[in-house]
């Protein structure tokens, strides 16, 4: 839960690096929150099947957009790629696969042009805790 809250504290921070753990825990908690909110939307009848989203889950998606974008860009920075690589996601099918591979890759060891290693380990490969 702390990984999720740390990303929210960096609401619109697009510089620096984010380790895999930070990114994937954020994604996991987002999925859980969206499932719960979608269930509550359907329970209260605020889900609109034409739009495909409910009021609560829609508000949550709008609120979480900038933190999600920020952590995704910081994750790309950890692999020594520019945040502009996120635009490759607009390419149907291939773009999502490319981004998934980038998000799964380990970050560059030591410092890179985007900042120090978020694992706190300089040089050499270290096992991710």
Protein backbone atom coordinates (compact mmCIF):
# COMPACT_ATOMS: atom_id res chain seq x y z
CA UNK A 1 0.00 0.00 0.00
CA UNK A 2 2.93 2.35 0.67
CA UNK A 3 4.06 2.05 -2.95
CA UNK A 4 0.63 3.25 -4.08
CA UNK A 5 0.61 6.16 -1.64
CA UNK A 6 4.15 7.18 -2.59
CA UNK A 7 3.07 7.52 -6.22
CA UNK A 8 0.08 9.62 -5.17
CA UNK A 9 2.39 11.88 -3.14
CA UNK A 10 4.35 12.49 -6.35
CA UNK A 11 1.08 13.52 -8.02
CA UNK A 12 2.52 15.14 -11.16
CA UNK A 13 6.23 14.37 -10.92
CA UNK A 14 7.60 13.31 -14.29
CA UNK A 15 11.32 13.45 -13.57
CA UNK A 16 13.44 10.89 -11.79
CA UNK A 17 13.17 7.11 -11.83
CA UNK A 18 10.66 4.55 -10.56
CA UNK A 19 11.65 0.97 -9.86
CA UNK A 20 9.60 -1.99 -11.06
CA UNK A 21 8.16 -2.62 -7.62
CA UNK A 22 6.77 0.92 -7.39
CA UNK A 23 5.19 0.73 -10.84
CA UNK A 24 3.65 -2.72 -10.56
CA UNK A 25 2.27 -2.23 -7.05
CA UNK A 26 0.67 0.98 -8.27
CA UNK A 27 -0.88 -0.91 -11.19
CA UNK A 28 -2.08 -3.70 -8.86
CA UNK A 29 -3.78 -1.29 -6.44
CA UNK A 30 -5.33 0.60 -9.37
CA UNK A 31 -6.87 -2.60 -10.70
CA UNK A 32 -8.20 -3.51 -7.27
CA UNK A 33 -9.63 -0.02 -6.74
CA UNK A 34 -11.28 -0.02 -10.17
CA UNK A 35 -12.84 -3.44 -9.57
CA UNK A 36 -14.25 -2.32 -6.22
CA UNK A 37 -15.53 0.98 -7.62
CA UNK A 38 -17.08 -0.75 -10.63
CA UNK A 39 -18.85 -3.15 -8.27
CA UNK A 40 -20.13 -0.22 -6.18
CA UNK A 41 -21.23 1.56 -9.37
CA UNK A 42 -23.22 -1.47 -10.48
CA UNK A 43 -24.63 -1.90 -6.98
CA UNK A 44 -25.94 1.68 -6.85
CA UNK A 45 -26.98 1.77 -10.50
CA UNK A 46 -24.51 4.47 -11.50
CA UNK A 47 -22.86 2.27 -14.14
CA UNK A 48 -23.66 3.37 -17.71
CA UNK A 49 -23.30 0.45 -20.16
CA UNK A 50 -23.30 2.78 -23.17
CA UNK A 51 -20.23 4.61 -21.90
CA UNK A 52 -18.79 1.50 -20.23
CA UNK A 53 -17.94 3.26 -16.97
CA UNK A 54 -19.70 4.29 -13.79
CA UNK A 55 -19.65 7.63 -12.04
CA UNK A 56 -17.34 6.58 -9.19
CA UNK A 57 -14.93 4.66 -11.39
CA UNK A 58 -14.93 7.50 -13.92
CA UNK A 59 -14.06 10.08 -11.28
CA UNK A 60 -11.33 7.76 -9.97
CA UNK A 61 -9.86 7.36 -13.47
CA UNK A 62 -9.73 11.12 -13.94
CA UNK A 63 -8.14 11.64 -10.52
CA UNK A 64 -5.50 8.96 -11.05
CA UNK A 65 -4.55 9.92 -14.62
CA UNK A 66 -1.62 12.23 -13.79
CA UNK A 67 -0.06 9.98 -11.11
CA UNK A 68 -0.36 6.99 -13.48
CA UNK A 69 1.25 8.95 -16.30
CA UNK A 70 4.00 10.16 -13.98
CA UNK A 71 4.91 6.71 -12.65
CA UNK A 72 4.85 5.26 -16.18
CA UNK A 73 7.24 7.94 -17.41
CA UNK A 74 9.50 7.51 -14.37
CA UNK A 75 9.51 3.74 -15.04
CA UNK A 76 10.68 4.41 -18.60
CA UNK A 77 13.37 6.69 -17.18
CA UNK A 78 14.58 3.81 -15.00
CA UNK A 79 15.24 1.80 -18.16
CA UNK A 80 17.11 4.83 -19.59
CA UNK A 81 14.38 5.72 -22.08
CA UNK A 82 12.74 9.07 -22.61
CA UNK A 83 9.20 9.57 -21.36
CA UNK A 84 8.17 10.23 -24.96
CA UNK A 85 8.34 6.45 -25.48
CA UNK A 86 4.93 6.32 -23.81
CA UNK A 87 3.46 7.54 -27.12
CA UNK A 88 4.38 4.20 -28.70
CA UNK A 89 1.35 2.89 -26.78
CA UNK A 90 -0.88 4.52 -29.40
CA UNK A 91 0.29 1.98 -31.99
CA UNK A 92 -2.35 -0.76 -31.93
CA UNK A 93 -1.23 -4.07 -30.38
CA UNK A 94 2.51 -3.59 -30.98
CA UNK A 95 2.75 -0.42 -28.87
CA UNK A 96 1.24 -2.03 -25.79
CA UNK A 97 3.56 -5.02 -26.09
CA UNK A 98 6.62 -2.78 -26.46
CA UNK A 99 5.64 -0.75 -23.39
CA UNK A 100 4.96 -3.91 -21.40
CA UNK A 101 8.47 -5.16 -22.21
CA UNK A 102 9.96 -1.80 -21.16
CA UNK A 103 8.01 -1.82 -17.88
CA UNK A 104 9.14 -5.39 -17.08
CA UNK A 105 12.84 -4.80 -17.81
CA UNK A 106 15.16 -4.13 -14.90
CA UNK A 107 16.38 -0.56 -14.56
CA UNK A 108 19.85 0.47 -15.56
CA UNK A 109 22.34 -0.23 -12.78
CA UNK A 110 23.83 2.84 -11.16
CA UNK A 111 22.94 6.37 -12.16
CA UNK A 112 21.69 7.25 -15.62
CA UNK A 113 20.79 10.55 -17.29
CA UNK A 114 17.49 10.65 -15.37
CA UNK A 115 18.94 10.34 -11.89
CA UNK A 116 20.33 7.93 -9.31
CA UNK A 117 19.28 4.31 -9.04
CA UNK A 118 16.00 4.17 -7.05
CA UNK A 119 17.15 0.90 -5.49
CA UNK A 120 19.96 2.81 -3.83
CA UNK A 121 22.57 0.49 -5.34
CA UNK A 122 25.32 2.03 -7.43
CA UNK A 123 27.04 -0.06 -10.10
CA UNK A 124 26.65 -3.81 -10.57
CA UNK A 125 23.45 -5.80 -10.77
CA UNK A 126 21.54 -6.25 -7.54
CA UNK A 127 18.60 -8.48 -6.76
CA UNK A 128 15.37 -6.54 -6.44
CA UNK A 129 13.84 -6.84 -3.00
